[in-house]
PDB file of N, CA and C in Angstrom:
ATOM      1  N   UNK A   1     -75.569  29.769  21.613  1.00  0.00           N
ATOM      2  CA  UNK A   1     -74.723  29.744  20.441  1.00  0.00           C
ATOM      3  C   UNK A   1     -73.797  28.544  20.543  1.00  0.00           C
ATOM      4  N   UNK A   2     -73.737  27.764  19.503  1.00  0.00           N
ATOM      5  CA  UNK A   2     -72.892  26.575  19.537  1.00  0.00           C
ATOM      6  C   UNK A   2     -71.462  26.934  19.181  1.00  0.00           C
ATOM      7  N   UNK A   3     -70.506  26.212  19.766  1.00  0.00           N
ATOM      8  CA  UNK A   3     -69.102  26.505  19.471  1.00  0.00           C
ATOM      9  C   UNK A   3     -68.775  26.178  18.019  1.00  0.00           C
ATOM     10  N   UNK A   4     -67.899  26.954  17.450  1.00  0.00           N
ATOM     11  CA  UNK A   4     -67.451  26.698  16.089  1.00  0.00           C
ATOM     12  C   UNK A   4     -66.099  26.013  16.138  1.00  0.00           C
ATOM     13  N   UNK A   5     -65.669  25.524  15.003  1.00  0.00           N
ATOM     14  CA  UNK A   5     -64.361  24.861  14.961  1.00  0.00           C
ATOM     15  C   UNK A   5     -63.238  25.841  15.296  1.00  0.00           C
ATOM     16  N   UNK A   6     -63.449  27.153  15.049  1.00  0.00           N
ATOM     17  CA  UNK A   6     -62.441  28.160  15.365  1.00  0.00           C
ATOM     18  C   UNK A   6     -62.209  28.305  16.865  1.00  0.00           C
ATOM     19  N   UNK A   7     -63.227  27.931  17.686  1.00  0.00           N
ATOM     20  CA  UNK A   7     -63.108  28.073  19.130  1.00  0.00           C
ATOM     21  C   UNK A   7     -62.110  27.103  19.732  1.00  0.00           C
ATOM     22  N   UNK A   8     -61.737  26.073  19.003  1.00  0.00           N
ATOM     23  CA  UNK A   8     -60.880  25.033  19.571  1.00  0.00           C
ATOM     24  C   UNK A   8     -59.574  24.871  18.800  1.00  0.00           C
ATOM     25  N   UNK A   9     -59.100  25.946  18.196  1.00  0.00           N
ATOM     26  CA  UNK A   9     -57.820  25.892  17.508  1.00  0.00           C
ATOM     27  C   UNK A   9     -56.696  25.787  18.522  1.00  0.00           C
ATOM     28  N   UNK A  10     -55.648  25.097  18.150  1.00  0.00           N
ATOM     29  CA  UNK A  10     -54.491  24.970  19.032  1.00  0.00           C
ATOM     30  C   UNK A  10     -53.822  26.329  19.170  1.00  0.00           C
ATOM     31  N   UNK A  11     -53.398  26.665  20.378  1.00  0.00           N
ATOM     32  CA  UNK A  11     -52.720  27.955  20.568  1.00  0.00           C
ATOM     33  C   UNK A  11     -51.388  27.961  19.833  1.00  0.00           C
ATOM     34  N   UNK A  12     -50.951  29.144  19.471  1.00  0.00           N
ATOM     35  CA  UNK A  12     -49.671  29.257  18.775  1.00  0.00           C
ATOM     36  C   UNK A  12     -48.507  28.969  19.714  1.00  0.00           C
ATOM     37  N   UNK A  13     -48.680  29.303  21.001  1.00  0.00           N
ATOM     38  CA  UNK A  13     -47.618  29.067  21.982  1.00  0.00           C
ATOM     39  C   UNK A  13     -48.191  28.282  23.147  1.00  0.00           C
ATOM     40  N   UNK A  14     -47.314  27.589  23.847  1.00  0.00           N
ATOM     41  CA  UNK A  14     -47.761  26.795  24.985  1.00  0.00           C
ATOM     42  C   UNK A  14     -48.067  27.688  26.182  1.00  0.00           C
ATOM     43  N   UNK A  15     -48.884  27.165  27.080  1.00  0.00           N
ATOM     44  CA  UNK A  15     -49.182  27.883  28.323  1.00  0.00           C
ATOM     45  C   UNK A  15     -47.903  28.170  29.095  1.00  0.00           C
ATOM     46  N   UNK A  16     -46.985  27.220  29.095  1.00  0.00           N
ATOM     47  CA  UNK A  16     -45.723  27.397  29.814  1.00  0.00           C
ATOM     48  C   UNK A  16     -44.919  28.568  29.237  1.00  0.00           C
ATOM     49  N   UNK A  17     -44.902  28.700  27.916  1.00  0.00           N
ATOM     50  CA  UNK A  17     -44.167  29.796  27.283  1.00  0.00           C
ATOM     51  C   UNK A  17     -44.796  31.146  27.619  1.00  0.00           C
ATOM     52  N   UNK A  18     -46.128  31.194  27.563  1.00  0.00           N
ATOM     53  CA  UNK A  18     -46.825  32.440  27.872  1.00  0.00           C
ATOM     54  C   UNK A  18     -46.599  32.815  29.338  1.00  0.00           C
ATOM     55  N   UNK A  19     -46.718  31.829  30.220  1.00  0.00           N
ATOM     56  CA  UNK A  19     -46.507  32.064  31.650  1.00  0.00           C
ATOM     57  C   UNK A  19     -45.083  32.560  31.909  1.00  0.00           C
ATOM     58  N   UNK A  20     -44.119  31.983  31.219  1.00  0.00           N
ATOM     59  CA  UNK A  20     -42.728  32.409  31.388  1.00  0.00           C
ATOM     60  C   UNK A  20     -42.565  33.872  30.975  1.00  0.00           C
ATOM     61  N   UNK A  21     -43.237  34.280  29.892  1.00  0.00           N
ATOM     62  CA  UNK A  21     -43.168  35.676  29.462  1.00  0.00           C
ATOM     63  C   UNK A  21     -43.776  36.606  30.507  1.00  0.00           C
ATOM     64  N   UNK A  22     -44.892  36.192  31.106  1.00  0.00           N
ATOM     65  CA  UNK A  22     -45.531  37.005  32.144  1.00  0.00           C
ATOM     66  C   UNK A  22     -44.601  37.139  33.345  1.00  0.00           C
ATOM     67  N   UNK A  23     -43.991  36.038  33.760  1.00  0.00           N
ATOM     68  CA  UNK A  23     -43.070  36.074  34.903  1.00  0.00           C
ATOM     69  C   UNK A  23     -41.860  36.965  34.612  1.00  0.00           C
ATOM     70  N   UNK A  24     -41.321  36.866  33.412  1.00  0.00           N
ATOM     71  CA  UNK A  24     -40.164  37.692  33.034  1.00  0.00           C
ATOM     72  C   UNK A  24     -40.536  39.169  33.006  1.00  0.00           C
ATOM     73  N   UNK A  25     -41.731  39.463  32.528  1.00  0.00           N
ATOM     74  CA  UNK A  25     -42.181  40.852  32.490  1.00  0.00           C
ATOM     75  C   UNK A  25     -42.164  41.458  33.889  1.00  0.00           C
ATOM     76  N   UNK A  26     -42.704  40.725  34.861  1.00  0.00           N
ATOM     77  CA  UNK A  26     -42.724  41.232  36.234  1.00  0.00           C
ATOM     78  C   UNK A  26     -41.331  41.240  36.858  1.00  0.00           C
ATOM     79  N   UNK A  27     -40.508  40.273  36.540  1.00  0.00           N
ATOM     80  CA  UNK A  27     -39.153  40.224  37.096  1.00  0.00           C
ATOM     81  C   UNK A  27     -38.337  41.424  36.616  1.00  0.00           C
ATOM     82  N   UNK A  28     -38.450  41.751  35.323  1.00  0.00           N
ATOM     83  CA  UNK A  28     -37.709  42.893  34.775  1.00  0.00           C
ATOM     84  C   UNK A  28     -38.225  44.203  35.341  1.00  0.00           C
ATOM     85  N   UNK A  29     -39.518  44.251  35.664  1.00  0.00           N
ATOM     86  CA  UNK A  29     -40.136  45.500  36.111  1.00  0.00           C
ATOM     87  C   UNK A  29     -40.097  45.651  37.627  1.00  0.00           C
ATOM     88  N   UNK A  30     -39.477  44.722  38.325  1.00  0.00           N
ATOM     89  CA  UNK A  30     -39.443  44.747  39.789  1.00  0.00           C
ATOM     90  C   UNK A  30     -40.847  44.802  40.379  1.00  0.00           C
ATOM     91  N   UNK A  31     -41.808  44.179  39.679  1.00  0.00           N
ATOM     92  CA  UNK A  31     -43.179  44.122  40.176  1.00  0.00           C
ATOM     93  C   UNK A  31     -44.007  45.358  39.905  1.00  0.00           C
ATOM     94  N   UNK A  32     -43.410  46.395  39.318  1.00  0.00           N
ATOM     95  CA  UNK A  32     -44.143  47.634  39.006  1.00  0.00           C
ATOM     96  C   UNK A  32     -44.101  47.844  37.503  1.00  0.00           C
ATOM     97  N   UNK A  33     -45.258  47.763  36.885  1.00  0.00           N
ATOM     98  CA  UNK A  33     -45.318  47.844  35.432  1.00  0.00           C
ATOM     99  C   UNK A  33     -45.560  49.273  34.956  1.00  0.00           C
ATOM    100  N   UNK A  34     -44.857  49.633  33.904  1.00  0.00           N
ATOM    101  CA  UNK A  34     -45.102  50.916  33.239  1.00  0.00           C
ATOM    102  C   UNK A  34     -46.392  50.769  32.411  1.00  0.00           C
ATOM    103  N   UNK A  35     -46.834  51.853  31.828  1.00  0.00           N
ATOM    104  CA  UNK A  35     -48.030  51.782  30.987  1.00  0.00           C
ATOM    105  C   UNK A  35     -47.834  50.814  29.825  1.00  0.00           C
ATOM    106  N   UNK A  36     -46.678  50.862  29.185  1.00  0.00           N
ATOM    107  CA  UNK A  36     -46.395  49.963  28.068  1.00  0.00           C
ATOM    108  C   UNK A  36     -46.355  48.507  28.544  1.00  0.00           C
ATOM    109  N   UNK A  37     -45.782  48.297  29.714  1.00  0.00           N
ATOM    110  CA  UNK A  37     -45.712  46.935  30.257  1.00  0.00           C
ATOM    111  C   UNK A  37     -47.098  46.430  30.659  1.00  0.00           C
ATOM    112  N   UNK A  38     -47.956  47.332  31.111  1.00  0.00           N
ATOM    113  CA  UNK A  38     -49.337  46.934  31.439  1.00  0.00           C
ATOM    114  C   UNK A  38     -50.075  46.481  30.185  1.00  0.00           C
ATOM    115  N   UNK A  39     -49.838  47.178  29.090  1.00  0.00           N
ATOM    116  CA  UNK A  39     -50.454  46.783  27.822  1.00  0.00           C
ATOM    117  C   UNK A  39     -49.936  45.418  27.400  1.00  0.00           C
ATOM    118  N   UNK A  40     -48.630  45.212  27.513  1.00  0.00           N
ATOM    119  CA  UNK A  40     -48.029  43.912  27.175  1.00  0.00           C
ATOM    120  C   UNK A  40     -48.607  42.822  28.073  1.00  0.00           C
ATOM    121  N   UNK A  41     -48.763  43.119  29.358  1.00  0.00           N
ATOM    122  CA  UNK A  41     -49.316  42.157  30.309  1.00  0.00           C
ATOM    123  C   UNK A  41     -50.742  41.796  29.914  1.00  0.00           C
ATOM    124  N   UNK A  42     -51.559  42.773  29.560  1.00  0.00           N
ATOM    125  CA  UNK A  42     -52.937  42.519  29.134  1.00  0.00           C
ATOM    126  C   UNK A  42     -52.967  41.645  27.884  1.00  0.00           C
ATOM    127  N   UNK A  43     -52.051  41.910  26.961  1.00  0.00           N
ATOM    128  CA  UNK A  43     -51.968  41.099  25.748  1.00  0.00           C
ATOM    129  C   UNK A  43     -51.597  39.659  26.088  1.00  0.00           C
ATOM    130  N   UNK A  44     -50.630  39.496  26.975  1.00  0.00           N
ATOM    131  CA  UNK A  44     -50.220  38.153  27.387  1.00  0.00           C
ATOM    132  C   UNK A  44     -51.353  37.421  28.108  1.00  0.00           C
ATOM    133  N   UNK A  45     -52.115  38.141  28.940  1.00  0.00           N
ATOM    134  CA  UNK A  45     -53.243  37.514  29.628  1.00  0.00           C
ATOM    135  C   UNK A  45     -54.304  37.047  28.637  1.00  0.00           C
ATOM    136  N   UNK A  46     -54.546  37.840  27.608  1.00  0.00           N
ATOM    137  CA  UNK A  46     -55.490  37.431  26.566  1.00  0.00           C
ATOM    138  C   UNK A  46     -55.012  36.197  25.830  1.00  0.00           C
ATOM    139  N   UNK A  47     -53.726  36.162  25.535  1.00  0.00           N
ATOM    140  CA  UNK A  47     -53.132  35.003  24.866  1.00  0.00           C
ATOM    141  C   UNK A  47     -53.223  33.769  25.769  1.00  0.00           C
ATOM    142  N   UNK A  48     -52.962  33.970  27.056  1.00  0.00           N
ATOM    143  CA  UNK A  48     -53.028  32.879  28.031  1.00  0.00           C
ATOM    144  C   UNK A  48     -54.454  32.343  28.129  1.00  0.00           C
ATOM    145  N   UNK A  49     -55.428  33.245  28.193  1.00  0.00           N
ATOM    146  CA  UNK A  49     -56.833  32.834  28.283  1.00  0.00           C
ATOM    147  C   UNK A  49     -57.250  32.049  27.038  1.00  0.00           C
ATOM    148  N   UNK A  50     -56.804  32.484  25.875  1.00  0.00           N
ATOM    149  CA  UNK A  50     -57.106  31.756  24.640  1.00  0.00           C
ATOM    150  C   UNK A  50     -56.491  30.365  24.653  1.00  0.00           C
ATOM    151  N   UNK A  51     -55.275  30.266  25.158  1.00  0.00           N
ATOM    152  CA  UNK A  51     -54.613  28.964  25.234  1.00  0.00           C
ATOM    153  C   UNK A  51     -55.335  28.054  26.217  1.00  0.00           C
ATOM    154  N   UNK A  52     -55.828  28.612  27.320  1.00  0.00           N
ATOM    155  CA  UNK A  52     -56.594  27.829  28.289  1.00  0.00           C
ATOM    156  C   UNK A  52     -57.865  27.304  27.632  1.00  0.00           C
ATOM    157  N   UNK A  53     -58.599  28.183  26.945  1.00  0.00           N
ATOM    158  CA  UNK A  53     -59.851  27.763  26.284  1.00  0.00           C
ATOM    159  C   UNK A  53     -59.574  26.672  25.261  1.00  0.00           C
ATOM    160  N   UNK A  54     -58.472  26.786  24.543  1.00  0.00           N
ATOM    161  CA  UNK A  54     -58.136  25.792  23.524  1.00  0.00           C
ATOM    162  C   UNK A  54     -57.773  24.443  24.145  1.00  0.00           C
ATOM    163  N   UNK A  55     -57.339  24.465  25.401  1.00  0.00           N
ATOM    164  CA  UNK A  55     -56.917  23.211  26.037  1.00  0.00           C
ATOM    165  C   UNK A  55     -58.072  22.477  26.718  1.00  0.00           C
ATOM    166  N   UNK A  56     -59.239  23.116  26.816  1.00  0.00           N
ATOM    167  CA  UNK A  56     -60.391  22.499  27.472  1.00  0.00           C
ATOM    168  C   UNK A  56     -61.009  21.466  26.527  1.00  0.00           C
ATOM    169  N   UNK A  57     -61.230  20.279  27.066  1.00  0.00           N
ATOM    170  CA  UNK A  57     -61.850  19.201  26.300  1.00  0.00           C
ATOM    171  C   UNK A  57     -63.338  19.187  26.647  1.00  0.00           C
ATOM    172  N   UNK A  58     -64.207  19.312  25.636  1.00  0.00           N
ATOM    173  CA  UNK A  58     -65.648  19.298  25.916  1.00  0.00           C
ATOM    174  C   UNK A  58     -66.073  17.965  26.550  1.00  0.00           C
ATOM    175  N   UNK A  59     -67.043  18.052  27.461  1.00  0.00           N
ATOM    176  CA  UNK A  59     -67.558  16.832  28.091  1.00  0.00           C
ATOM    177  C   UNK A  59     -68.311  16.004  27.077  1.00  0.00           C
ATOM    178  N   UNK A  60     -68.314  14.723  27.310  1.00  0.00           N
ATOM    179  CA  UNK A  60     -69.009  13.807  26.387  1.00  0.00           C
ATOM    180  C   UNK A  60     -70.500  13.904  26.544  1.00  0.00           C
TER     181      UNK A  60
END
């Protein structure tokens, strides 16, 4: 399957911003996440992965 133009959209937030949110989540939770915080963490990881994919430049 060939990539579509939607696969390379710019992320809404920077990797640094997403990473900062992940770090703050763990700092506030003292390293132990509640169920709600685990869901938030999973959402942030998905957002981070999307931002990583958007930052990859296809080889020539």
